[in-house]
Amino acid sequence: MSTHIGAQPGDIAPLVLMPGDPLRARWIAETFLEDARCYTEVRGMYGYTGTWKGQRVSVQGSGMGQPSLAIYVNELFTEYDVRSVVRVGSCGALTERLAVRDLVIASGACTDSSMNRIAFEGIDYAPVADFGLLRDAAAAAEALDTEAAVHVGLIFSSDSFYAARPELAARMVGYGVLAVEMEAAALYTLAAKHGRRALAICTVSDHIVTGEETTAQEREETFGDMVEVALAAGLGAQ
């Protein structure tokens, strides 16, 4: 039983979908999984295990930001032998190439976090997705009957939601960065450290350029396309 999850051995499936919002975790479990059972409510960070098309899947909230996600991912890998984590989160579009509700499959994650600088003593480690998950997610998204566009590319994992220097994010657009979120870089780094699979799939919830945004309820309960892609990719790569 881990410190922050508190589940029993065997409670958590080899594949975990990980939204930041614990209420989205509950919605995913109730909407997509059969026979879903809550295995943790510690600190209000819900976790559920059920089945999808006959295969066991778990959904675990991570909270906001890389330090919070790192706690849960470390425990999932070391205490529960989870093999794959697919982040299903929201992101802000940094370029007009993207529209609200588009899907972004993150091939790699830039970051301003000091976590990797400390770990690698100044070397710029490049956190990237597992190729098998990335490939299968792109294929699943292409086959999905949805009006939303799908983009595969770089995202920016920021440590600050309210950035002190927003011009830096705008500068990264010229180098191919599509969107900003707050967790993927830590997820990719920890997966590499532990020899596991990881991928971040995000729905554009707001647009930094145009100012368009979704509501809190929409972010919690209507981002189903990325969940379907994550399930198809995660179970296909096991």
C-alpha atoms as a PDB file:
ATOM      1  CA  MET A   1       0.000   0.000   0.000  1.00  0.00           C
ATOM      2  CA  SER A   2       1.625   3.246  -1.131  1.00  0.00           C
ATOM      3  CA  THR A   3       1.623   6.527   0.762  1.00  0.00           C
ATOM      4  CA  HIS A   4      -0.502   8.649  -1.559  1.00  0.00           C
ATOM      5  CA  ILE A   5      -2.584   6.073  -3.425  1.00  0.00           C
ATOM      6  CA  GLY A   6      -3.234   3.561  -0.681  1.00  0.00           C
ATOM      7  CA  ALA A   7      -4.529   0.784  -2.960  1.00  0.00           C
ATOM      8  CA  GLN A   8      -4.002  -2.885  -2.254  1.00  0.00           C
ATOM      9  CA  PRO A   9      -1.718  -5.068  -4.414  1.00  0.00           C
ATOM     10  CA  GLY A  10      -3.583  -6.132  -7.543  1.00  0.00           C
ATOM     11  CA  ASP A  11      -6.091  -3.265  -7.366  1.00  0.00           C
ATOM     12  CA  ILE A  12      -4.506  -1.360 -10.243  1.00  0.00           C
ATOM     13  CA  ALA A  13      -4.327  -2.578 -13.853  1.00  0.00           C
ATOM     14  CA  PRO A  14      -1.144  -2.601 -15.976  1.00  0.00           C
ATOM     15  CA  LEU A  15      -2.603   0.269 -18.053  1.00  0.00           C
ATOM     16  CA  VAL A  16      -3.517   3.509 -16.282  1.00  0.00           C
ATOM     17  CA  LEU A  17      -5.233   6.497 -17.873  1.00  0.00           C
ATOM     18  CA  MET A  18      -4.231   9.617 -15.955  1.00  0.00           C
ATOM     19  CA  PRO A  19      -6.211  12.862 -16.067  1.00  0.00           C
ATOM     20  CA  GLY A  20      -5.133  15.736 -13.868  1.00  0.00           C
ATOM     21  CA  ASP A  21      -8.679  16.313 -12.627  1.00  0.00           C
ATOM     22  CA  PRO A  22      -9.892  13.593 -10.211  1.00  0.00           C
ATOM     23  CA  LEU A  23     -13.483  14.367 -11.223  1.00  0.00           C
ATOM     24  CA  ARG A  24     -12.556  13.616 -14.825  1.00  0.00           C
ATOM     25  CA  ALA A  25     -11.131  10.308 -13.567  1.00  0.00           C
ATOM     26  CA  ARG A  26     -14.515   9.508 -12.042  1.00  0.00           C
ATOM     27  CA  TRP A  27     -16.328  10.538 -15.252  1.00  0.00           C
ATOM     28  CA  ILE A  28     -14.038   8.372 -17.387  1.00  0.00           C
ATOM     29  CA  ALA A  29     -14.592   5.368 -15.126  1.00  0.00           C
ATOM     30  CA  GLU A  30     -18.369   5.804 -15.078  1.00  0.00           C
ATOM     31  CA  THR A  31     -18.629   6.508 -18.818  1.00  0.00           C
ATOM     32  CA  PHE A  32     -16.140   4.139 -20.433  1.00  0.00           C
ATOM     33  CA  LEU A  33     -15.412   1.282 -18.030  1.00  0.00           C
ATOM     34  CA  GLU A  34     -17.562  -1.674 -17.050  1.00  0.00           C
ATOM     35  CA  ASP A  35     -17.762  -2.794 -13.405  1.00  0.00           C
ATOM     36  CA  ALA A  36     -15.591   0.153 -12.329  1.00  0.00           C
ATOM     37  CA  ARG A  37     -14.573   0.081  -8.665  1.00  0.00           C
ATOM     38  CA  CYS A  38     -12.998   2.928  -6.730  1.00  0.00           C
ATOM     39  CA  TYR A  39      -9.708   1.775  -5.184  1.00  0.00           C
ATOM     40  CA  THR A  40      -8.657   5.108  -3.657  1.00  0.00           C
ATOM     41  CA  GLU A  41     -10.065   8.391  -2.434  1.00  0.00           C
ATOM     42  CA  VAL A  42      -6.915   9.497  -0.592  1.00  0.00           C
ATOM     43  CA  ARG A  43      -6.719  13.327  -0.631  1.00  0.00           C
ATOM     44  CA  GLY A  44      -9.722  13.305  -2.983  1.00  0.00           C
ATOM     45  CA  MET A  45      -7.542  11.961  -5.821  1.00  0.00           C
ATOM     46  CA  TYR A  46      -9.859   9.261  -7.138  1.00  0.00           C
ATOM     47  CA  GLY A  47      -8.650   6.042  -8.739  1.00  0.00           C
ATOM     48  CA  TYR A  48     -10.800   3.368 -10.391  1.00  0.00           C
ATOM     49  CA  THR A  49     -10.301  -0.009 -12.038  1.00  0.00           C
ATOM     50  CA  GLY A  50     -12.745  -1.616 -14.455  1.00  0.00           C
ATOM     51  CA  THR A  51     -12.741  -3.234 -17.867  1.00  0.00           C
ATOM     52  CA  TRP A  52     -12.904  -1.930 -21.422  1.00  0.00           C
ATOM     53  CA  LYS A  53     -13.709  -4.498 -24.106  1.00  0.00           C
ATOM     54  CA  GLY A  54     -12.912  -7.213 -21.581  1.00  0.00           C
ATOM     55  CA  GLN A  55      -9.478  -5.885 -20.573  1.00  0.00           C
ATOM     56  CA  ARG A  56      -8.603  -4.360 -17.189  1.00  0.00           C
ATOM     57  CA  VAL A  57      -7.917  -0.626 -17.168  1.00  0.00           C
ATOM     58  CA  SER A  58      -7.382   1.829 -14.333  1.00  0.00           C
ATOM     59  CA  VAL A  59      -7.970   5.579 -14.203  1.00  0.00           C
ATOM     60  CA  GLN A  60      -6.023   7.637 -11.680  1.00  0.00           C
ATOM     61  CA  GLY A  61      -6.121  11.389 -11.073  1.00  0.00           C
ATOM     62  CA  SER A  62      -2.748  13.104 -10.816  1.00  0.00           C
ATOM     63  CA  GLY A  63      -3.498  16.648  -9.705  1.00  0.00           C
ATOM     64  CA  MET A  64      -2.046  19.703 -11.413  1.00  0.00           C
ATOM     65  CA  GLY A  65       1.630  20.156 -12.200  1.00  0.00           C
ATOM     66  CA  GLN A  66       4.694  17.987 -12.546  1.00  0.00           C
ATOM     67  CA  PRO A  67       5.481  17.607  -8.806  1.00  0.00           C
ATOM     68  CA  SER A  68       1.984  16.246  -8.125  1.00  0.00           C
ATOM     69  CA  LEU A  69       1.999  13.919 -11.140  1.00  0.00           C
ATOM     70  CA  ALA A  70       5.473  12.657 -10.220  1.00  0.00           C
ATOM     71  CA  ILE A  71       4.222  11.453  -6.831  1.00  0.00           C
ATOM     72  CA  TYR A  72       1.471   9.309  -8.342  1.00  0.00           C
ATOM     73  CA  VAL A  73       3.502   8.025 -11.292  1.00  0.00           C
ATOM     74  CA  ASN A  74       6.411   7.014  -9.059  1.00  0.00           C
ATOM     75  CA  GLU A  75       4.060   5.021  -6.841  1.00  0.00           C
ATOM     76  CA  LEU A  76       2.244   3.440  -9.797  1.00  0.00           C
ATOM     77  CA  PHE A  77       5.527   2.228 -11.294  1.00  0.00           C
ATOM     78  CA  THR A  78       7.322   1.157  -8.111  1.00  0.00           C
ATOM     79  CA  GLU A  79       4.493  -0.038  -5.851  1.00  0.00           C
ATOM     80  CA  TYR A  80       1.905  -1.389  -8.318  1.00  0.00           C
ATOM     81  CA  ASP A  81       4.026  -2.484 -11.312  1.00  0.00           C
ATOM     82  CA  VAL A  82       2.034  -0.405 -13.783  1.00  0.00           C
ATOM     83  CA  ARG A  83       3.441  -0.861 -17.276  1.00  0.00           C
ATOM     84  CA  SER A  84       1.817   2.001 -19.239  1.00  0.00           C
ATOM     85  CA  VAL A  85       0.486   5.428 -18.283  1.00  0.00           C
ATOM     86  CA  VAL A  86      -1.432   7.536 -20.771  1.00  0.00           C
ATOM     87  CA  ARG A  87      -2.117  11.086 -19.669  1.00  0.00           C
ATOM     88  CA  VAL A  88      -5.549  12.297 -20.821  1.00  0.00           C
ATOM     89  CA  GLY A  89      -5.480  15.972 -20.054  1.00  0.00           C
ATOM     90  CA  SER A  90      -6.275  19.441 -21.287  1.00  0.00           C
ATOM     91  CA  CYS A  91      -3.941  21.908 -22.933  1.00  0.00           C
ATOM     92  CA  GLY A  92      -3.842  25.455 -24.203  1.00  0.00           C
ATOM     93  CA  ALA A  93      -3.250  26.019 -27.927  1.00  0.00           C
ATOM     94  CA  LEU A  94      -0.255  28.229 -28.667  1.00  0.00           C
ATOM     95  CA  THR A  95      -0.806  28.512 -32.422  1.00  0.00           C
ATOM     96  CA  GLU A  96      -3.729  29.252 -34.737  1.00  0.00           C
ATOM     97  CA  ARG A  97      -3.043  25.911 -36.420  1.00  0.00           C
ATOM     98  CA  LEU A  98      -5.021  24.401 -33.521  1.00  0.00           C
ATOM     99  CA  ALA A  99      -8.655  24.896 -32.563  1.00  0.00           C
ATOM    100  CA  VAL A 100     -10.502  24.313 -29.312  1.00  0.00           C
ATOM    101  CA  ARG A 101     -11.339  20.591 -28.890  1.00  0.00           C
ATOM    102  CA  ASP A 102      -8.563  19.470 -31.246  1.00  0.00           C
ATOM    103  CA  LEU A 103      -6.450  16.550 -30.009  1.00  0.00           C
ATOM    104  CA  VAL A 104      -2.720  16.884 -29.422  1.00  0.00           C
ATOM    105  CA  ILE A 105      -0.646  13.698 -29.198  1.00  0.00           C
ATOM    106  CA  ALA A 106       2.651  14.722 -27.661  1.00  0.00           C
ATOM    107  CA  SER A 107       5.724  13.221 -29.293  1.00  0.00           C
ATOM    108  CA  GLY A 108       7.942  15.092 -26.857  1.00  0.00           C
ATOM    109  CA  ALA A 109       7.707  17.669 -24.081  1.00  0.00           C
ATOM    110  CA  CYS A 110       9.745  20.838 -23.617  1.00  0.00           C
ATOM    111  CA  THR A 111       9.750  22.228 -20.080  1.00  0.00           C
ATOM    112  CA  ASP A 112      10.849  25.077 -17.849  1.00  0.00           C
ATOM    113  CA  SER A 113      10.809  22.782 -14.810  1.00  0.00           C
ATOM    114  CA  SER A 114      13.964  22.372 -12.743  1.00  0.00           C
ATOM    115  CA  MET A 115      13.230  18.683 -12.018  1.00  0.00           C
ATOM    116  CA  ASN A 116      15.361  17.337 -14.873  1.00  0.00           C
ATOM    117  CA  ARG A 117      18.028  20.006 -14.477  1.00  0.00           C
ATOM    118  CA  ILE A 118      18.551  18.813 -10.927  1.00  0.00           C
ATOM    119  CA  ALA A 119      18.495  15.137 -11.906  1.00  0.00           C
ATOM    120  CA  PHE A 120      20.902  15.570 -14.834  1.00  0.00           C
ATOM    121  CA  GLU A 121      23.051  18.357 -13.345  1.00  0.00           C
ATOM    122  CA  GLY A 122      22.398  20.864 -16.103  1.00  0.00           C
ATOM    123  CA  ILE A 123      22.175  18.530 -19.103  1.00  0.00           C
ATOM    124  CA  ASP A 124      19.066  19.189 -21.202  1.00  0.00           C
ATOM    125  CA  TYR A 125      17.433  15.758 -21.133  1.00  0.00           C
ATOM    126  CA  ALA A 126      14.756  15.426 -23.849  1.00  0.00           C
ATOM    127  CA  PRO A 127      11.578  13.677 -22.540  1.00  0.00           C
ATOM    128  CA  VAL A 128       9.793  11.796 -25.335  1.00  0.00           C
ATOM    129  CA  ALA A 129       6.790   9.499 -25.679  1.00  0.00           C
ATOM    130  CA  ASP A 130       6.911   5.743 -26.068  1.00  0.00           C
ATOM    131  CA  PHE A 131       6.944   5.145 -29.815  1.00  0.00           C
ATOM    132  CA  GLY A 132       4.538   2.186 -29.740  1.00  0.00           C
ATOM    133  CA  LEU A 133       1.926   4.160 -27.834  1.00  0.00           C
ATOM    134  CA  LEU A 134       2.482   7.196 -30.042  1.00  0.00           C
ATOM    135  CA  ARG A 135       2.109   5.160 -33.228  1.00  0.00           C
ATOM    136  CA  ASP A 136      -1.020   3.369 -32.026  1.00  0.00           C
ATOM    137  CA  ALA A 137      -2.598   6.581 -30.745  1.00  0.00           C
ATOM    138  CA  ALA A 138      -2.049   8.335 -34.078  1.00  0.00           C
ATOM    139  CA  ALA A 139      -3.634   5.377 -35.900  1.00  0.00           C
ATOM    140  CA  ALA A 140      -6.581   5.237 -33.478  1.00  0.00           C
ATOM    141  CA  ALA A 141      -7.155   8.976 -33.795  1.00  0.00           C
ATOM    142  CA  GLU A 142      -7.097   8.779 -37.581  1.00  0.00           C
ATOM    143  CA  ALA A 143      -9.743   6.040 -37.479  1.00  0.00           C
ATOM    144  CA  LEU A 144     -11.932   7.944 -35.001  1.00  0.00           C
ATOM    145  CA  ASP A 145     -15.105   9.488 -36.424  1.00  0.00           C
ATOM    146  CA  THR A 146     -14.716  13.003 -35.055  1.00  0.00           C
ATOM    147  CA  GLU A 147     -14.768  16.558 -36.340  1.00  0.00           C
ATOM    148  CA  ALA A 148     -11.782  17.496 -34.192  1.00  0.00           C
ATOM    149  CA  ALA A 149      -8.405  17.694 -35.893  1.00  0.00           C
ATOM    150  CA  VAL A 150      -5.522  15.594 -34.563  1.00  0.00           C
ATOM    151  CA  HIS A 151      -2.002  16.974 -34.218  1.00  0.00           C
ATOM    152  CA  VAL A 152       1.177  15.051 -33.366  1.00  0.00           C
ATOM    153  CA  GLY A 153       4.115  17.103 -32.143  1.00  0.00           C
ATOM    154  CA  LEU A 154       5.816  18.930 -29.308  1.00  0.00           C
ATOM    155  CA  ILE A 155       4.112  20.370 -26.269  1.00  0.00           C
ATOM    156  CA  PHE A 156       5.396  22.627 -23.494  1.00  0.00           C
ATOM    157  CA  SER A 157       5.093  21.391 -19.888  1.00  0.00           C
ATOM    158  CA  SER A 158       5.109  24.576 -17.853  1.00  0.00           C
ATOM    159  CA  ASP A 159       5.555  24.856 -14.106  1.00  0.00           C
ATOM    160  CA  SER A 160       3.419  28.018 -14.076  1.00  0.00           C
ATOM    161  CA  PHE A 161      -0.225  28.238 -15.107  1.00  0.00           C
ATOM    162  CA  TYR A 162      -0.040  32.042 -14.959  1.00  0.00           C
ATOM    163  CA  ALA A 163       3.246  32.566 -16.757  1.00  0.00           C
ATOM    164  CA  ALA A 164       5.457  35.494 -15.730  1.00  0.00           C
ATOM    165  CA  ARG A 165       6.940  35.627 -19.252  1.00  0.00           C
ATOM    166  CA  PRO A 166       4.301  34.506 -21.785  1.00  0.00           C
ATOM    167  CA  GLU A 167       6.477  35.717 -24.656  1.00  0.00           C
ATOM    168  CA  LEU A 168       8.741  32.695 -24.111  1.00  0.00           C
ATOM    169  CA  ALA A 169       5.905  30.286 -24.928  1.00  0.00           C
ATOM    170  CA  ALA A 170       5.117  32.319 -28.040  1.00  0.00           C
ATOM    171  CA  ARG A 171       8.758  32.071 -29.087  1.00  0.00           C
ATOM    172  CA  MET A 172       8.620  28.276 -28.924  1.00  0.00           C
ATOM    173  CA  VAL A 173       5.867  28.180 -31.531  1.00  0.00           C
ATOM    174  CA  GLY A 174       8.512  29.052 -34.107  1.00  0.00           C
ATOM    175  CA  TYR A 175      10.272  25.815 -33.150  1.00  0.00           C
ATOM    176  CA  GLY A 176       7.234  23.594 -33.586  1.00  0.00           C
ATOM    177  CA  VAL A 177       5.655  23.641 -30.105  1.00  0.00           C
ATOM    178  CA  LEU A 178       1.883  23.276 -30.431  1.00  0.00           C
ATOM    179  CA  ALA A 179       0.370  23.658 -26.980  1.00  0.00           C
ATOM    180  CA  VAL A 180       1.067  24.159 -23.286  1.00  0.00           C
ATOM    181  CA  GLU A 181       0.151  21.911 -20.340  1.00  0.00           C
ATOM    182  CA  MET A 182       1.776  21.079 -16.989  1.00  0.00           C
ATOM    183  CA  GLU A 183       2.575  17.372 -16.642  1.00  0.00           C
ATOM    184  CA  ALA A 184       3.913  15.468 -19.662  1.00  0.00           C
ATOM    185  CA  ALA A 185       7.652  16.138 -19.294  1.00  0.00           C
ATOM    186  CA  ALA A 186       7.749  14.569 -15.828  1.00  0.00           C
ATOM    187  CA  LEU A 187       5.656  11.619 -16.998  1.00  0.00           C
ATOM    188  CA  TYR A 188       7.968  10.889 -19.937  1.00  0.00           C
ATOM    189  CA  THR A 189      11.091  11.202 -17.797  1.00  0.00           C
ATOM    190  CA  LEU A 190       9.806   8.847 -15.103  1.00  0.00           C
ATOM    191  CA  ALA A 191       8.679   6.286 -17.666  1.00  0.00           C
ATOM    192  CA  ALA A 192      12.163   6.286 -19.180  1.00  0.00           C
ATOM    193  CA  LYS A 193      13.739   5.925 -15.745  1.00  0.00           C
ATOM    194  CA  HIS A 194      11.620   2.901 -14.866  1.00  0.00           C
ATOM    195  CA  GLY A 195      11.547   1.292 -18.324  1.00  0.00           C
ATOM    196  CA  ARG A 196       7.789   1.789 -18.784  1.00  0.00           C
ATOM    197  CA  ARG A 197       5.551   3.214 -21.510  1.00  0.00           C
ATOM    198  CA  ALA A 198       4.082   6.700 -21.399  1.00  0.00           C
ATOM    199  CA  LEU A 199       2.117   9.015 -23.656  1.00  0.00           C
ATOM    200  CA  ALA A 200       0.256  12.295 -23.254  1.00  0.00           C
ATOM    201  CA  ILE A 201      -2.910  12.923 -25.246  1.00  0.00           C
ATOM    202  CA  CYS A 202      -4.492  16.308 -24.601  1.00  0.00           C
ATOM    203  CA  THR A 203      -7.648  18.060 -25.721  1.00  0.00           C
ATOM    204  CA  VAL A 204      -7.364  21.770 -26.449  1.00  0.00           C
ATOM    205  CA  SER A 205      -9.481  23.327 -23.713  1.00  0.00           C
ATOM    206  CA  ASP A 206      -8.535  26.953 -24.319  1.00  0.00           C
ATOM    207  CA  HIS A 207      -6.733  28.996 -26.934  1.00  0.00           C
ATOM    208  CA  ILE A 208      -3.929  31.281 -25.828  1.00  0.00           C
ATOM    209  CA  VAL A 209      -4.043  33.239 -29.125  1.00  0.00           C
ATOM    210  CA  THR A 210      -7.793  33.720 -29.668  1.00  0.00           C
ATOM    211  CA  GLY A 211      -8.972  33.640 -26.046  1.00  0.00           C
ATOM    212  CA  GLU A 212     -11.595  30.961 -26.743  1.00  0.00           C
ATOM    213  CA  GLU A 213     -12.125  28.512 -23.877  1.00  0.00           C
ATOM    214  CA  THR A 214     -14.308  25.689 -22.586  1.00  0.00           C
ATOM    215  CA  THR A 215     -16.115  25.612 -19.245  1.00  0.00           C
ATOM    216  CA  ALA A 216     -14.987  23.626 -16.211  1.00  0.00           C
ATOM    217  CA  GLN A 217     -17.880  21.196 -16.703  1.00  0.00           C
ATOM    218  CA  GLU A 218     -17.002  20.728 -20.367  1.00  0.00           C
ATOM    219  CA  ARG A 219     -13.388  19.994 -19.430  1.00  0.00           C
ATOM    220  CA  GLU A 220     -14.566  17.468 -16.873  1.00  0.00           C
ATOM    221  CA  GLU A 221     -17.238  15.631 -18.858  1.00  0.00           C
ATOM    222  CA  THR A 222     -16.981  16.120 -22.634  1.00  0.00           C
ATOM    223  CA  PHE A 223     -13.431  15.245 -23.706  1.00  0.00           C
ATOM    224  CA  GLY A 224     -14.337  11.712 -24.727  1.00  0.00           C
ATOM    225  CA  ASP A 225     -12.419  11.505 -28.003  1.00  0.00           C
ATOM    226  CA  MET A 226      -9.020  11.480 -26.316  1.00  0.00           C
ATOM    227  CA  VAL A 227     -10.195   8.783 -23.895  1.00  0.00           C
ATOM    228  CA  GLU A 228     -11.202   6.499 -26.758  1.00  0.00           C
ATOM    229  CA  VAL A 229      -7.844   7.080 -28.443  1.00  0.00           C
ATOM    230  CA  ALA A 230      -5.986   6.439 -25.192  1.00  0.00           C
ATOM    231  CA  LEU A 231      -7.820   3.181 -24.529  1.00  0.00           C
ATOM    232  CA  ALA A 232      -7.246   1.910 -28.055  1.00  0.00           C
ATOM    233  CA  ALA A 233      -3.563   2.853 -28.002  1.00  0.00           C
ATOM    234  CA  GLY A 234      -2.854   1.684 -24.472  1.00  0.00           C
ATOM    235  CA  LEU A 235      -4.404  -1.737 -24.817  1.00  0.00           C
ATOM    236  CA  GLY A 236      -2.989  -2.194 -28.297  1.00  0.00           C
ATOM    237  CA  ALA A 237       0.575  -1.585 -27.044  1.00  0.00           C
ATOM    238  CA  GLN A 238       0.483  -3.972 -24.071  1.00  0.00           C
END
